Structure formats: C-alpha cells, structure tokens
Amino acid sequence: MAVGATDLRAAIIEGAVERVRPKMMTVTAIVAGLLPLLWSTGTGSEVMRRIAMPMVGGMASSTLLTLVVIPVIYSLVKGWQLSGAPVSAVEAHP
C-alpha cells in the first residue's frame, strides 16, 4: 500500500498531538521550579536570575521547536521524498 500526502499529514498531526501533553507537563514543571529563582531578592539572587532566565527561554524555544518546527521540517522532507519516489512494486502490480 502506498503512503500518500494525506496519510503523511495525518501521521504528523497525530504525532504532534501525542507530544503536546508530555511536553507541556515537562515545561510547566521546570518553569514553575525556576520562577522562585527569577523573583527572589536575597543574597546571590542576581547570579541565580542569570542562570534561570536562559533556562526559561530554552524551555519556551524547545516547546516551539518540538511541536511546530520539527513536524514542519519532517513534512517538507518526507513530502519531497514522496513526490520523487518511484512507483513501488505493490502499486505496479495490484
């Protein structure tokens, strides 16, 4: 059976939807743990803020990368491979 563009799109959407919950749970837990470091005012808080802020930004960018950018790149690459792929033996002889 040949895989078409609609099958590819459905698989990508299903995979992205399955990743939303675990990714958001991880990001929420890490950001919730870093917020006290960002809001602290005690001794050494300036240093800890400099450590926590890039981590929060990294979590935000990794979420965007995992849920949007990687599926789009995968779609482009696999779509290009599907459009240029030769006819499989299953398609040639039904």
PDB file of N, CA and C in Angstrom:
ATOM      1  N   MET A   1       0.842  -1.167   0.000  1.00  0.00           N
ATOM      2  CA  MET A   1       0.000   0.000   0.000  1.00  0.00           C
ATOM      3  C   MET A   1       0.892   1.236   0.000  1.00  0.00           C
ATOM      4  N   ALA A   2       0.580   2.161  -0.833  1.00  0.00           N
ATOM      5  CA  ALA A   2       1.368   3.383  -0.951  1.00  0.00           C
ATOM      6  C   ALA A   2       0.925   4.400   0.097  1.00  0.00           C
ATOM      7  N   VAL A   3       1.881   5.150   0.545  1.00  0.00           N
ATOM      8  CA  VAL A   3       1.603   6.201   1.507  1.00  0.00           C
ATOM      9  C   VAL A   3       1.462   7.506   0.741  1.00  0.00           C
ATOM     10  N   GLY A   4       0.346   8.186   0.922  1.00  0.00           N
ATOM     11  CA  GLY A   4       0.095   9.439   0.225  1.00  0.00           C
ATOM     12  C   GLY A   4       0.309  10.639   1.115  1.00  0.00           C
ATOM     13  N   ALA A   5       0.088  11.804   0.549  1.00  0.00           N
ATOM     14  CA  ALA A   5       0.279  13.054   1.283  1.00  0.00           C
ATOM     15  C   ALA A   5      -0.711  13.174   2.440  1.00  0.00           C
ATOM     16  N   THR A   6      -1.932  12.680   2.252  1.00  0.00           N
ATOM     17  CA  THR A   6      -2.918  12.768   3.341  1.00  0.00           C
ATOM     18  C   THR A   6      -2.535  11.855   4.504  1.00  0.00           C
ATOM     19  N   ASP A   7      -1.980  10.669   4.187  1.00  0.00           N
ATOM     20  CA  ASP A   7      -1.510   9.767   5.241  1.00  0.00           C
ATOM     21  C   ASP A   7      -0.353  10.393   6.008  1.00  0.00           C
ATOM     22  N   LEU A   8       0.550  11.028   5.276  1.00  0.00           N
ATOM     23  CA  LEU A   8       1.688  11.687   5.898  1.00  0.00           C
ATOM     24  C   LEU A   8       1.233  12.802   6.825  1.00  0.00           C
ATOM     25  N   ARG A   9       0.309  13.616   6.345  1.00  0.00           N
ATOM     26  CA  ARG A   9      -0.206  14.731   7.162  1.00  0.00           C
ATOM     27  C   ARG A   9      -0.909  14.212   8.411  1.00  0.00           C
ATOM     28  N   ALA A  10      -1.716  13.176   8.269  1.00  0.00           N
ATOM     29  CA  ALA A  10      -2.422  12.608   9.419  1.00  0.00           C
ATOM     30  C   ALA A  10      -1.437  12.052  10.447  1.00  0.00           C
ATOM     31  N   ALA A  11      -0.375  11.389   9.978  1.00  0.00           N
ATOM     32  CA  ALA A  11       0.625  10.831  10.889  1.00  0.00           C
ATOM     33  C   ALA A  11       1.379  11.937  11.630  1.00  0.00           C
ATOM     34  N   ILE A  12       1.701  13.013  10.931  1.00  0.00           N
ATOM     35  CA  ILE A  12       2.422  14.122  11.557  1.00  0.00           C
ATOM     36  C   ILE A  12       1.545  14.801  12.603  1.00  0.00           C
ATOM     37  N   ILE A  13       0.294  15.026  12.278  1.00  0.00           N
ATOM     38  CA  ILE A  13      -0.617  15.663  13.233  1.00  0.00           C
ATOM     39  C   ILE A  13      -0.829  14.766  14.450  1.00  0.00           C
ATOM     40  N   GLU A  14      -1.012  13.481  14.227  1.00  0.00           N
ATOM     41  CA  GLU A  14      -1.202  12.553  15.341  1.00  0.00           C
ATOM     42  C   GLU A  14       0.033  12.525  16.241  1.00  0.00           C
ATOM     43  N   GLY A  15       1.212  12.501  15.633  1.00  0.00           N
ATOM     44  CA  GLY A  15       2.445  12.504  16.423  1.00  0.00           C
ATOM     45  C   GLY A  15       2.616  13.777  17.225  1.00  0.00           C
ATOM     46  N   ALA A  16       2.297  14.922  16.623  1.00  0.00           N
ATOM     47  CA  ALA A  16       2.416  16.201  17.329  1.00  0.00           C
ATOM     48  C   ALA A  16       1.418  16.276  18.481  1.00  0.00           C
ATOM     49  N   VAL A  17       0.203  15.798  18.254  1.00  0.00           N
ATOM     50  CA  VAL A  17      -0.828  15.828  19.298  1.00  0.00           C
ATOM     51  C   VAL A  17      -0.421  14.927  20.470  1.00  0.00           C
ATOM     52  N   GLU A  18       0.198  13.792  20.183  1.00  0.00           N
ATOM     53  CA  GLU A  18       0.637  12.898  21.253  1.00  0.00           C
ATOM     54  C   GLU A  18       1.753  13.514  22.080  1.00  0.00           C
ATOM     55  N   ARG A  19       2.535  14.428  21.516  1.00  0.00           N
ATOM     56  CA  ARG A  19       3.643  15.052  22.224  1.00  0.00           C
ATOM     57  C   ARG A  19       3.234  16.276  23.032  1.00  0.00           C
ATOM     58  N   VAL A  20       2.052  16.825  22.801  1.00  0.00           N
ATOM     59  CA  VAL A  20       1.662  18.064  23.474  1.00  0.00           C
ATOM     60  C   VAL A  20       1.609  17.883  24.990  1.00  0.00           C
ATOM     61  N   ARG A  21       0.911  16.892  25.469  1.00  0.00           N
ATOM     62  CA  ARG A  21       0.735  16.732  26.917  1.00  0.00           C
ATOM     63  C   ARG A  21       2.056  16.488  27.640  1.00  0.00           C
ATOM     64  N   PRO A  22       2.880  15.503  27.222  1.00  0.00           N
ATOM     65  CA  PRO A  22       4.139  15.309  27.953  1.00  0.00           C
ATOM     66  C   PRO A  22       5.069  16.520  27.880  1.00  0.00           C
ATOM     67  N   LYS A  23       5.099  17.184  26.744  1.00  0.00           N
ATOM     68  CA  LYS A  23       5.965  18.347  26.601  1.00  0.00           C
ATOM     69  C   LYS A  23       5.492  19.484  27.495  1.00  0.00           C
ATOM     70  N   MET A  24       4.196  19.750  27.503  1.00  0.00           N
ATOM     71  CA  MET A  24       3.669  20.842  28.320  1.00  0.00           C
ATOM     72  C   MET A  24       3.805  20.535  29.812  1.00  0.00           C
ATOM     73  N   MET A  25       3.670  19.279  30.210  1.00  0.00           N
ATOM     74  CA  MET A  25       3.865  18.920  31.610  1.00  0.00           C
ATOM     75  C   MET A  25       5.312  19.158  32.032  1.00  0.00           C
ATOM     76  N   THR A  26       6.245  18.787  31.185  1.00  0.00           N
ATOM     77  CA  THR A  26       7.656  18.994  31.485  1.00  0.00           C
ATOM     78  C   THR A  26       7.989  20.473  31.570  1.00  0.00           C
ATOM     79  N   VAL A  27       7.546  21.237  30.585  1.00  0.00           N
ATOM     80  CA  VAL A  27       7.826  22.670  30.559  1.00  0.00           C
ATOM     81  C   VAL A  27       7.208  23.366  31.768  1.00  0.00           C
ATOM     82  N   THR A  28       5.977  23.027  32.097  1.00  0.00           N
ATOM     83  CA  THR A  28       5.300  23.640  33.229  1.00  0.00           C
ATOM     84  C   THR A  28       6.033  23.349  34.539  1.00  0.00           C
ATOM     85  N   ALA A  29       6.465  22.113  34.728  1.00  0.00           N
ATOM     86  CA  ALA A  29       7.170  21.752  35.958  1.00  0.00           C
ATOM     87  C   ALA A  29       8.502  22.489  36.067  1.00  0.00           C
ATOM     88  N   ILE A  30       9.240  22.561  34.973  1.00  0.00           N
ATOM     89  CA  ILE A  30      10.545  23.224  35.014  1.00  0.00           C
ATOM     90  C   ILE A  30      10.392  24.724  35.221  1.00  0.00           C
ATOM     91  N   VAL A  31       9.468  25.342  34.497  1.00  0.00           N
ATOM     92  CA  VAL A  31       9.262  26.788  34.651  1.00  0.00           C
ATOM     93  C   VAL A  31       8.740  27.108  36.048  1.00  0.00           C
ATOM     94  N   ALA A  32       7.852  26.279  36.578  1.00  0.00           N
ATOM     95  CA  ALA A  32       7.349  26.507  37.936  1.00  0.00           C
ATOM     96  C   ALA A  32       8.473  26.413  38.961  1.00  0.00           C
ATOM     97  N   GLY A  33       9.431  25.560  38.720  1.00  0.00           N
ATOM     98  CA  GLY A  33      10.582  25.459  39.612  1.00  0.00           C
ATOM     99  C   GLY A  33      11.549  26.622  39.471  1.00  0.00           C
ATOM    100  N   LEU A  34      11.579  27.233  38.300  1.00  0.00           N
ATOM    101  CA  LEU A  34      12.504  28.348  38.070  1.00  0.00           C
ATOM    102  C   LEU A  34      11.925  29.703  38.462  1.00  0.00           C
ATOM    103  N   LEU A  35      10.615  29.830  38.528  1.00  0.00           N
ATOM    104  CA  LEU A  35      10.010  31.123  38.867  1.00  0.00           C
ATOM    105  C   LEU A  35      10.458  31.683  40.215  1.00  0.00           C
ATOM    106  N   PRO A  36      10.576  30.872  41.261  1.00  0.00           N
ATOM    107  CA  PRO A  36      11.087  31.435  42.516  1.00  0.00           C
ATOM    108  C   PRO A  36      12.506  31.998  42.379  1.00  0.00           C
ATOM    109  N   LEU A  37      13.318  31.377  41.530  1.00  0.00           N
ATOM    110  CA  LEU A  37      14.666  31.906  41.304  1.00  0.00           C
ATOM    111  C   LEU A  37      14.615  33.256  40.595  1.00  0.00           C
ATOM    112  N   LEU A  38      13.665  33.402  39.676  1.00  0.00           N
ATOM    113  CA  LEU A  38      13.552  34.660  38.942  1.00  0.00           C
ATOM    114  C   LEU A  38      13.037  35.792  39.823  1.00  0.00           C
ATOM    115  N   TRP A  39      12.184  35.478  40.804  1.00  0.00           N
ATOM    116  CA  TRP A  39      11.568  36.506  41.632  1.00  0.00           C
ATOM    117  C   TRP A  39      12.282  36.728  42.956  1.00  0.00           C
ATOM    118  N   SER A  40      13.328  35.972  43.225  1.00  0.00           N
ATOM    119  CA  SER A  40      13.991  36.095  44.522  1.00  0.00           C
ATOM    120  C   SER A  40      14.748  37.418  44.641  1.00  0.00           C
ATOM    121  N   THR A  41      14.924  37.852  45.874  1.00  0.00           N
ATOM    122  CA  THR A  41      15.612  39.122  46.128  1.00  0.00           C
ATOM    123  C   THR A  41      16.736  38.966  47.141  1.00  0.00           C
ATOM    124  N   GLY A  42      17.008  37.768  47.584  1.00  0.00           N
ATOM    125  CA  GLY A  42      18.004  37.556  48.629  1.00  0.00           C
ATOM    126  C   GLY A  42      19.432  37.596  48.101  1.00  0.00           C
ATOM    127  N   THR A  43      20.337  37.181  48.968  1.00  0.00           N
ATOM    128  CA  THR A  43      21.751  37.138  48.632  1.00  0.00           C
ATOM    129  C   THR A  43      21.983  36.147  47.493  1.00  0.00           C
ATOM    130  N   GLY A  44      22.697  36.584  46.488  1.00  0.00           N
ATOM    131  CA  GLY A  44      23.010  35.736  45.338  1.00  0.00           C
ATOM    132  C   GLY A  44      21.908  35.636  44.313  1.00  0.00           C
ATOM    133  N   SER A  45      20.836  36.390  44.493  1.00  0.00           N
ATOM    134  CA  SER A  45      19.705  36.282  43.569  1.00  0.00           C
ATOM    135  C   SER A  45      20.054  36.775  42.170  1.00  0.00           C
ATOM    136  N   GLU A  46      20.985  37.733  42.063  1.00  0.00           N
ATOM    137  CA  GLU A  46      21.374  38.235  40.742  1.00  0.00           C
ATOM    138  C   GLU A  46      22.015  37.123  39.910  1.00  0.00           C
ATOM    139  N   VAL A  47      22.827  36.329  40.552  1.00  0.00           N
ATOM    140  CA  VAL A  47      23.502  35.226  39.860  1.00  0.00           C
ATOM    141  C   VAL A  47      22.482  34.162  39.457  1.00  0.00           C
ATOM    142  N   MET A  48      21.581  33.835  40.352  1.00  0.00           N
ATOM    143  CA  MET A  48      20.592  32.800  40.054  1.00  0.00           C
ATOM    144  C   MET A  48      19.635  33.246  38.960  1.00  0.00           C
ATOM    145  N   ARG A  49      19.296  34.530  38.913  1.00  0.00           N
ATOM    146  CA  ARG A  49      18.442  35.048  37.847  1.00  0.00           C
ATOM    147  C   ARG A  49      19.117  34.880  36.492  1.00  0.00           C
ATOM    148  N   ARG A  50      20.422  35.104  36.455  1.00  0.00           N
ATOM    149  CA  ARG A  50      21.171  34.947  35.206  1.00  0.00           C
ATOM    150  C   ARG A  50      21.222  33.499  34.752  1.00  0.00           C
ATOM    151  N   ILE A  51      21.093  32.589  35.676  1.00  0.00           N
ATOM    152  CA  ILE A  51      21.069  31.169  35.324  1.00  0.00           C
ATOM    153  C   ILE A  51      19.658  30.746  34.920  1.00  0.00           C
ATOM    154  N   ALA A  52      18.650  31.226  35.644  1.00  0.00           N
ATOM    155  CA  ALA A  52      17.276  30.771  35.422  1.00  0.00           C
ATOM    156  C   ALA A  52      16.656  31.325  34.150  1.00  0.00           C
ATOM    157  N   MET A  53      16.954  32.568  33.810  1.00  0.00           N
ATOM    158  CA  MET A  53      16.313  33.183  32.646  1.00  0.00           C
ATOM    159  C   MET A  53      16.635  32.457  31.329  1.00  0.00           C
ATOM    160  N   PRO A  54      17.884  32.102  31.052  1.00  0.00           N
ATOM    161  CA  PRO A  54      18.130  31.334  29.815  1.00  0.00           C
ATOM    162  C   PRO A  54      17.465  29.961  29.816  1.00  0.00           C
ATOM    163  N   MET A  55      17.307  29.380  30.999  1.00  0.00           N
ATOM    164  CA  MET A  55      16.635  28.084  31.068  1.00  0.00           C
ATOM    165  C   MET A  55      15.157  28.217  30.715  1.00  0.00           C
ATOM    166  N   VAL A  56      14.515  29.274  31.183  1.00  0.00           N
ATOM    167  CA  VAL A  56      13.109  29.517  30.836  1.00  0.00           C
ATOM    168  C   VAL A  56      12.989  29.761  29.335  1.00  0.00           C
ATOM    169  N   GLY A  57      13.880  30.568  28.785  1.00  0.00           N
ATOM    170  CA  GLY A  57      13.869  30.807  27.339  1.00  0.00           C
ATOM    171  C   GLY A  57      14.124  29.537  26.543  1.00  0.00           C
ATOM    172  N   GLY A  58      15.010  28.710  27.044  1.00  0.00           N
ATOM    173  CA  GLY A  58      15.285  27.430  26.375  1.00  0.00           C
ATOM    174  C   GLY A  58      14.089  26.497  26.394  1.00  0.00           C
ATOM    175  N   MET A  59      13.370  26.493  27.491  1.00  0.00           N
ATOM    176  CA  MET A  59      12.173  25.654  27.562  1.00  0.00           C
ATOM    177  C   MET A  59      11.101  26.152  26.593  1.00  0.00           C
ATOM    178  N   ALA A  60      10.950  27.467  26.490  1.00  0.00           N
ATOM    179  CA  ALA A  60       9.971  28.022  25.549  1.00  0.00           C
ATOM    180  C   ALA A  60      10.364  27.708  24.111  1.00  0.00           C
ATOM    181  N   SER A  61      11.639  27.881  23.792  1.00  0.00           N
ATOM    182  CA  SER A  61      12.071  27.619  22.411  1.00  0.00           C
ATOM    183  C   SER A  61      12.046  26.125  22.087  1.00  0.00           C
ATOM    184  N   SER A  62      12.344  25.265  23.062  1.00  0.00           N
ATOM    185  CA  SER A  62      12.295  23.830  22.793  1.00  0.00           C
ATOM    186  C   SER A  62      10.854  23.362  22.578  1.00  0.00           C
ATOM    187  N   THR A  63       9.910  23.993  23.275  1.00  0.00           N
ATOM    188  CA  THR A  63       8.497  23.665  23.064  1.00  0.00           C
ATOM    189  C   THR A  63       8.083  24.013  21.643  1.00  0.00           C
ATOM    190  N   LEU A  64       8.433  25.204  21.219  1.00  0.00           N
ATOM    191  CA  LEU A  64       8.126  25.637  19.852  1.00  0.00           C
ATOM    192  C   LEU A  64       8.801  24.727  18.829  1.00  0.00           C
ATOM    193  N   LEU A  65      10.046  24.391  19.077  1.00  0.00           N
ATOM    194  CA  LEU A  65      10.788  23.529  18.161  1.00  0.00           C
ATOM    195  C   LEU A  65      10.150  22.147  18.065  1.00  0.00           C
ATOM    196  N   THR A  66       9.826  21.560  19.207  1.00  0.00           N
ATOM    197  CA  THR A  66       9.278  20.199  19.231  1.00  0.00           C
ATOM    198  C   THR A  66       7.887  20.108  18.628  1.00  0.00           C
ATOM    199  N   LEU A  67       7.037  21.081  18.907  1.00  0.00           N
ATOM    200  CA  LEU A  67       5.643  20.976  18.493  1.00  0.00           C
ATOM    201  C   LEU A  67       5.337  21.612  17.142  1.00  0.00           C
ATOM    202  N   VAL A  68       6.214  22.484  16.646  1.00  0.00           N
ATOM    203  CA  VAL A  68       5.922  23.173  15.389  1.00  0.00           C
ATOM    204  C   VAL A  68       7.014  22.959  14.341  1.00  0.00           C
ATOM    205  N   VAL A  69       8.231  23.339  14.668  1.00  0.00           N
ATOM    206  CA  VAL A  69       9.299  23.374  13.664  1.00  0.00           C
ATOM    207  C   VAL A  69       9.671  21.982  13.168  1.00  0.00           C
ATOM    208  N   ILE A  70       9.910  21.047  14.062  1.00  0.00           N
ATOM    209  CA  ILE A  70      10.317  19.702  13.645  1.00  0.00           C
ATOM    210  C   ILE A  70       9.233  19.012  12.813  1.00  0.00           C
ATOM    211  N   PRO A  71       7.942  19.066  13.191  1.00  0.00           N
ATOM    212  CA  PRO A  71       6.927  18.463  12.315  1.00  0.00           C
ATOM    213  C   PRO A  71       6.871  19.114  10.925  1.00  0.00           C
ATOM    214  N   VAL A  72       7.072  20.433  10.852  1.00  0.00           N
ATOM    215  CA  VAL A  72       7.053  21.108   9.548  1.00  0.00           C
ATOM    216  C   VAL A  72       8.231  20.651   8.698  1.00  0.00           C
ATOM    217  N   ILE A  73       9.418  20.589   9.278  1.00  0.00           N
ATOM    218  CA  ILE A  73      10.592  20.140   8.529  1.00  0.00           C
ATOM    219  C   ILE A  73      10.418  18.694   8.089  1.00  0.00           C
ATOM    220  N   TYR A  74       9.914  17.853   8.979  1.00  0.00           N
ATOM    221  CA  TYR A  74       9.663  16.452   8.632  1.00  0.00           C
ATOM    222  C   TYR A  74       8.673  16.352   7.473  1.00  0.00           C
ATOM    223  N   SER A  75       7.625  17.161   7.527  1.00  0.00           N
ATOM    224  CA  SER A  75       6.628  17.168   6.459  1.00  0.00           C
ATOM    225  C   SER A  75       7.242  17.570   5.121  1.00  0.00           C
ATOM    226  N   LEU A  76       8.087  18.594   5.145  1.00  0.00           N
ATOM    227  CA  LEU A  76       8.727  19.037   3.907  1.00  0.00           C
ATOM    228  C   LEU A  76       9.647  17.967   3.329  1.00  0.00           C
ATOM    229  N   VAL A  77      10.463  17.353   4.184  1.00  0.00           N
ATOM    230  CA  VAL A  77      11.410  16.338   3.711  1.00  0.00           C
ATOM    231  C   VAL A  77      10.677  15.096   3.208  1.00  0.00           C
ATOM    232  N   LYS A  78       9.746  14.591   4.002  1.00  0.00           N
ATOM    233  CA  LYS A  78       9.021  13.384   3.590  1.00  0.00           C
ATOM    234  C   LYS A  78       8.115  13.647   2.388  1.00  0.00           C
ATOM    235  N   GLY A  79       7.521  14.831   2.334  1.00  0.00           N
ATOM    236  CA  GLY A  79       6.707  15.176   1.170  1.00  0.00           C
ATOM    237  C   GLY A  79       7.540  15.229  -0.092  1.00  0.00           C
ATOM    238  N   TRP A  80       8.747  15.763   0.027  1.00  0.00           N
ATOM    239  CA  TRP A  80       9.664  15.805  -1.115  1.00  0.00           C
ATOM    240  C   TRP A  80      10.062  14.391  -1.525  1.00  0.00           C
ATOM    241  N   GLN A  81      10.307  13.521  -0.556  1.00  0.00           N
ATOM    242  CA  GLN A  81      10.659  12.133  -0.860  1.00  0.00           C
ATOM    243  C   GLN A  81       9.492  11.399  -1.503  1.00  0.00           C
ATOM    244  N   LEU A  82       8.264  11.672  -1.054  1.00  0.00           N
ATOM    245  CA  LEU A  82       7.090  11.013  -1.636  1.00  0.00           C
ATOM    246  C   LEU A  82       6.846  11.456  -3.074  1.00  0.00           C
ATOM    247  N   SER A  83       7.053  12.728  -3.332  1.00  0.00           N
ATOM    248  CA  SER A  83       6.784  13.225  -4.685  1.00  0.00           C
ATOM    249  C   SER A  83       7.813  12.737  -5.688  1.00  0.00           C
ATOM    250  N   GLY A  84       9.016  12.445  -5.230  1.00  0.00           N
ATOM    251  CA  GLY A  84      10.055  11.984  -6.143  1.00  0.00           C
ATOM    252  C   GLY A  84      10.275  10.483  -6.105  1.00  0.00           C
ATOM    253  N   ALA A  85       9.500   9.774  -5.296  1.00  0.00           N
ATOM    254  CA  ALA A  85       9.703   8.344  -5.133  1.00  0.00           C
ATOM    255  C   ALA A  85       9.170   7.570  -6.341  1.00  0.00           C
ATOM    256  N   PRO A  86       9.896   6.550  -6.759  1.00  0.00           N
ATOM    257  CA  PRO A  86       9.390   5.708  -7.855  1.00  0.00           C
ATOM    258  C   PRO A  86       8.198   4.880  -7.405  1.00  0.00           C
ATOM    259  N   VAL A  87       7.451   4.379  -8.341  1.00  0.00           N
ATOM    260  CA  VAL A  87       6.279   3.557  -8.039  1.00  0.00           C
ATOM    261  C   VAL A  87       6.746   2.259  -7.396  1.00  0.00           C
ATOM    262  N   SER A  88       6.133   1.907  -6.251  1.00  0.00           N
ATOM    263  CA  SER A  88       6.540   0.680  -5.556  1.00  0.00           C
ATOM    264  C   SER A  88       5.986  -0.547  -6.272  1.00  0.00           C
ATOM    265  N   ALA A  89       6.515  -1.696  -5.925  1.00  0.00           N
ATOM    266  CA  ALA A  89       6.078  -2.955  -6.547  1.00  0.00           C
ATOM    267  C   ALA A  89       4.618  -3.252  -6.244  1.00  0.00           C
ATOM    268  N   VAL A  90       4.153  -2.845  -5.073  1.00  0.00           N
ATOM    269  CA  VAL A  90       2.762  -3.085  -4.699  1.00  0.00           C
ATOM    270  C   VAL A  90       1.842  -2.259  -5.586  1.00  0.00           C
ATOM    271  N   GLU A  91       2.212  -1.029  -5.901  1.00  0.00           N
ATOM    272  CA  GLU A  91       1.390  -0.180  -6.763  1.00  0.00           C
ATOM    273  C   GLU A  91       1.411  -0.667  -8.197  1.00  0.00           C
ATOM    274  N   ALA A  92       2.550  -1.171  -8.662  1.00  0.00           N
ATOM    275  CA  ALA A  92       2.690  -1.573 -10.054  1.00  0.00           C
ATOM    276  C   ALA A  92       1.872  -2.822 -10.376  1.00  0.00           C
ATOM    277  N   HIS A  93       1.744  -3.713  -9.406  1.00  0.00           N
ATOM    278  CA  HIS A  93       1.017  -4.967  -9.633  1.00  0.00           C
ATOM    279  C   HIS A  93      -0.048  -5.146  -8.575  1.00  0.00           C
ATOM    280  N   PRO A  94      -1.246  -4.607  -8.800  1.00  0.00           N
ATOM    281  CA  PRO A  94      -2.313  -4.698  -7.785  1.00  0.00           C
ATOM    282  C   PRO A  94      -2.814  -6.072  -7.535  1.00  0.00           C
TER     283      PRO A  94
END
